[in-house]
Amino acid sequence: MEEIDKWKRINSVKSTEDLKKAILDIAEDGIIMGKSRPWEAAKQVEGVDAIMEKDYPMNVLTRSYGIRQQMIYLMYYE
């Protein structure tokens, strides 16, 4: 998947379930590369649920491809 397609996929989600699927879709070999380190896609999916259910801090999600930004959007508009 091209980089722009990863951005488009994340930014098109309309629910937390779709965000979790999108995270897995854009991962390469189960990893999403951040600016300073790799992030495990499975842990990112767990992070989405943790933020919604337990009010975890937003920094459990990577900012890569707008994942954290989209999570913030979903928290307020889903």
N, C-alpha and C. Protein backbone atom coordinates (compact mmCIF):
# COMPACT_ATOMS: atom_id res chain seq x y z
N MET A 1 0.85 -1.17 0.00
CA MET A 1 0.00 0.00 0.00
C MET A 1 0.90 1.24 0.00
N GLU A 2 0.58 2.19 -0.87
CA GLU A 2 1.33 3.44 -0.94
C GLU A 2 1.08 4.29 0.31
N GLU A 3 2.02 5.16 0.63
CA GLU A 3 1.89 6.01 1.82
C GLU A 3 0.61 6.85 1.78
N ILE A 4 0.31 7.45 0.64
CA ILE A 4 -0.89 8.29 0.55
C ILE A 4 -2.15 7.48 0.78
N ASP A 5 -2.14 6.23 0.34
CA ASP A 5 -3.29 5.35 0.54
C ASP A 5 -3.50 5.03 2.02
N LYS A 6 -2.41 4.92 2.76
CA LYS A 6 -2.50 4.68 4.20
C LYS A 6 -3.15 5.87 4.89
N TRP A 7 -2.73 7.08 4.51
CA TRP A 7 -3.33 8.29 5.07
C TRP A 7 -4.82 8.35 4.75
N LYS A 8 -5.16 8.08 3.50
CA LYS A 8 -6.56 8.12 3.07
C LYS A 8 -7.39 7.08 3.82
N ARG A 9 -6.85 5.90 4.01
CA ARG A 9 -7.58 4.83 4.69
C ARG A 9 -7.90 5.23 6.13
N ILE A 10 -6.91 5.75 6.84
CA ILE A 10 -7.14 6.16 8.23
C ILE A 10 -8.12 7.32 8.31
N ASN A 11 -7.93 8.30 7.46
CA ASN A 11 -8.77 9.50 7.54
C ASN A 11 -10.19 9.30 7.03
N SER A 12 -10.49 8.15 6.45
CA SER A 12 -11.85 7.90 5.96
C SER A 12 -12.71 7.15 6.96
N VAL A 13 -12.15 6.72 8.09
CA VAL A 13 -12.93 5.90 9.03
C VAL A 13 -14.00 6.73 9.72
N LYS A 14 -15.10 6.06 10.05
CA LYS A 14 -16.23 6.73 10.70
C LYS A 14 -16.62 6.08 12.03
N SER A 15 -15.86 5.05 12.45
CA SER A 15 -16.17 4.39 13.73
C SER A 15 -14.88 3.81 14.30
N THR A 16 -14.90 3.50 15.58
CA THR A 16 -13.71 2.90 16.19
C THR A 16 -13.45 1.51 15.63
N GLU A 17 -14.52 0.78 15.29
CA GLU A 17 -14.33 -0.55 14.69
C GLU A 17 -13.62 -0.42 13.35
N ASP A 18 -14.01 0.56 12.57
CA ASP A 18 -13.37 0.77 11.27
C ASP A 18 -11.93 1.25 11.46
N LEU A 19 -11.67 2.05 12.49
CA LEU A 19 -10.30 2.50 12.76
C LEU A 19 -9.41 1.30 13.09
N LYS A 20 -9.92 0.38 13.90
CA LYS A 20 -9.12 -0.79 14.25
C LYS A 20 -8.82 -1.64 13.01
N LYS A 21 -9.79 -1.79 12.14
CA LYS A 21 -9.57 -2.54 10.90
C LYS A 21 -8.57 -1.81 10.00
N ALA A 22 -8.70 -0.49 9.93
CA ALA A 22 -7.79 0.31 9.10
C ALA A 22 -6.35 0.21 9.60
N ILE A 23 -6.17 0.21 10.91
CA ILE A 23 -4.83 0.07 11.48
C ILE A 23 -4.21 -1.24 11.03
N LEU A 24 -4.98 -2.30 11.10
CA LEU A 24 -4.47 -3.61 10.66
C LEU A 24 -4.23 -3.63 9.15
N ASP A 25 -5.08 -2.92 8.39
CA ASP A 25 -4.93 -2.87 6.94
C ASP A 25 -3.64 -2.19 6.50
N ILE A 26 -3.26 -1.13 7.20
CA ILE A 26 -2.08 -0.36 6.76
C ILE A 26 -0.77 -0.91 7.29
N ALA A 27 -0.85 -1.79 8.29
CA ALA A 27 0.37 -2.35 8.88
C ALA A 27 1.10 -3.24 7.88
N GLU A 28 2.40 -3.19 7.94
CA GLU A 28 3.23 -4.06 7.12
C GLU A 28 3.91 -5.05 8.05
N ASP A 29 3.59 -6.32 7.88
CA ASP A 29 4.09 -7.37 8.77
C ASP A 29 3.75 -7.10 10.23
N GLY A 30 2.56 -6.50 10.45
CA GLY A 30 2.10 -6.25 11.81
C GLY A 30 2.71 -5.03 12.47
N ILE A 31 3.44 -4.21 11.69
CA ILE A 31 4.15 -3.05 12.25
C ILE A 31 3.75 -1.78 11.51
N ILE A 32 3.59 -0.70 12.28
CA ILE A 32 3.40 0.63 11.73
C ILE A 32 4.61 1.45 12.17
N MET A 33 5.34 1.98 11.21
CA MET A 33 6.53 2.75 11.54
C MET A 33 6.15 4.16 12.00
N GLY A 34 6.62 4.51 13.19
CA GLY A 34 6.47 5.87 13.68
C GLY A 34 7.70 6.67 13.32
N LYS A 35 7.76 7.90 13.78
CA LYS A 35 8.93 8.73 13.48
C LYS A 35 10.18 8.24 14.19
N SER A 36 10.01 7.73 15.40
CA SER A 36 11.19 7.32 16.16
C SER A 36 11.27 5.83 16.46
N ARG A 37 10.14 5.12 16.29
CA ARG A 37 10.16 3.69 16.60
C ARG A 37 9.00 2.98 15.93
N PRO A 38 9.09 1.67 15.81
CA PRO A 38 7.97 0.90 15.25
C PRO A 38 6.89 0.65 16.31
N TRP A 39 5.66 0.57 15.86
CA TRP A 39 4.52 0.31 16.72
C TRP A 39 3.86 -0.98 16.25
N GLU A 40 3.51 -1.86 17.16
CA GLU A 40 2.81 -3.08 16.81
C GLU A 40 1.35 -2.75 16.53
N ALA A 41 0.86 -3.17 15.38
CA ALA A 41 -0.51 -2.87 14.99
C ALA A 41 -1.51 -3.47 15.98
N ALA A 42 -1.26 -4.68 16.46
CA ALA A 42 -2.17 -5.31 17.41
C ALA A 42 -2.28 -4.49 18.70
N LYS A 43 -1.18 -3.92 19.14
CA LYS A 43 -1.19 -3.07 20.35
C LYS A 43 -1.94 -1.77 20.08
N GLN A 44 -1.85 -1.26 18.85
CA GLN A 44 -2.58 -0.05 18.49
C GLN A 44 -4.08 -0.30 18.53
N VAL A 45 -4.49 -1.47 18.05
CA VAL A 45 -5.91 -1.84 18.09
C VAL A 45 -6.38 -1.94 19.54
N GLU A 46 -5.58 -2.54 20.40
CA GLU A 46 -5.91 -2.61 21.83
C GLU A 46 -5.99 -1.20 22.42
N GLY A 47 -5.12 -0.32 21.95
CA GLY A 47 -5.10 1.06 22.44
C GLY A 47 -6.39 1.80 22.12
N VAL A 48 -6.97 1.55 20.96
CA VAL A 48 -8.24 2.18 20.60
C VAL A 48 -9.31 1.82 21.62
N ASP A 49 -9.42 0.54 21.94
CA ASP A 49 -10.41 0.11 22.94
C ASP A 49 -10.09 0.67 24.32
N ALA A 50 -8.83 0.66 24.69
CA ALA A 50 -8.43 1.16 26.01
C ALA A 50 -8.76 2.64 26.17
N ILE A 51 -8.53 3.41 25.14
CA ILE A 51 -8.84 4.84 25.21
C ILE A 51 -10.35 5.05 25.36
N MET A 52 -11.13 4.31 24.58
CA MET A 52 -12.58 4.49 24.63
C MET A 52 -13.19 3.98 25.95
N GLU A 53 -12.67 2.89 26.47
CA GLU A 53 -13.27 2.26 27.65
C GLU A 53 -12.71 2.74 28.97
N LYS A 54 -11.42 3.00 29.02
CA LYS A 54 -10.77 3.25 30.30
C LYS A 54 -10.13 4.63 30.39
N ASP A 55 -10.38 5.45 29.41
CA ASP A 55 -9.84 6.80 29.42
C ASP A 55 -8.31 6.81 29.51
N TYR A 56 -7.67 5.94 28.74
CA TYR A 56 -6.21 5.91 28.67
C TYR A 56 -5.70 7.16 27.98
N PRO A 57 -4.45 7.54 28.21
CA PRO A 57 -3.91 8.71 27.52
C PRO A 57 -3.79 8.46 26.02
N MET A 58 -3.94 9.49 25.26
CA MET A 58 -3.92 9.39 23.81
C MET A 58 -2.57 8.93 23.26
N ASN A 59 -1.51 9.10 24.03
CA ASN A 59 -0.19 8.75 23.50
C ASN A 59 0.09 7.25 23.44
N VAL A 60 -0.92 6.42 23.72
CA VAL A 60 -0.75 4.98 23.48
C VAL A 60 -0.90 4.68 21.99
N LEU A 61 -1.39 5.67 21.23
CA LEU A 61 -1.50 5.53 19.78
C LEU A 61 -0.43 6.36 19.09
N THR A 62 0.04 5.87 17.97
CA THR A 62 1.01 6.61 17.17
C THR A 62 0.32 7.76 16.43
N ARG A 63 1.08 8.78 16.11
CA ARG A 63 0.55 9.88 15.30
C ARG A 63 0.67 9.56 13.81
N SER A 64 1.40 8.50 13.48
CA SER A 64 1.62 8.14 12.09
C SER A 64 0.30 7.98 11.35
N TYR A 65 0.26 8.51 10.15
CA TYR A 65 -0.90 8.42 9.24
C TYR A 65 -2.16 9.04 9.81
N GLY A 66 -2.03 9.85 10.86
CA GLY A 66 -3.18 10.52 11.45
C GLY A 66 -4.01 9.63 12.36
N ILE A 67 -3.42 8.53 12.84
CA ILE A 67 -4.18 7.60 13.69
C ILE A 67 -4.66 8.29 14.97
N ARG A 68 -3.77 8.97 15.64
CA ARG A 68 -4.15 9.64 16.90
C ARG A 68 -5.18 10.74 16.63
N GLN A 69 -4.99 11.48 15.58
CA GLN A 69 -5.92 12.55 15.21
C GLN A 69 -7.31 11.99 14.93
N GLN A 70 -7.37 10.88 14.21
CA GLN A 70 -8.66 10.28 13.89
C GLN A 70 -9.32 9.74 15.15
N MET A 71 -8.55 9.23 16.08
CA MET A 71 -9.10 8.74 17.35
C MET A 71 -9.74 9.89 18.12
N ILE A 72 -9.08 11.03 18.14
CA ILE A 72 -9.65 12.20 18.82
C ILE A 72 -10.98 12.58 18.17
N TYR A 73 -11.00 12.59 16.85
CA TYR A 73 -12.24 12.90 16.13
C TYR A 73 -13.36 11.93 16.54
N LEU A 74 -13.04 10.64 16.56
CA LEU A 74 -14.05 9.64 16.88
C LEU A 74 -14.54 9.75 18.32
N MET A 75 -13.67 10.13 19.23
CA MET A 75 -14.05 10.28 20.63
C MET A 75 -15.17 11.32 20.79
N TYR A 76 -15.13 12.33 19.97
CA TYR A 76 -16.10 13.42 20.11
C TYR A 76 -17.30 13.31 19.18
N TYR A 77 -17.14 12.57 18.07
CA TYR A 77 -18.23 12.56 17.09
C TYR A 77 -18.82 11.20 16.80
N GLU A 78 -18.29 10.15 17.38
CA GLU A 78 -18.87 8.83 17.15
C GLU A 78 -20.07 8.63 18.06
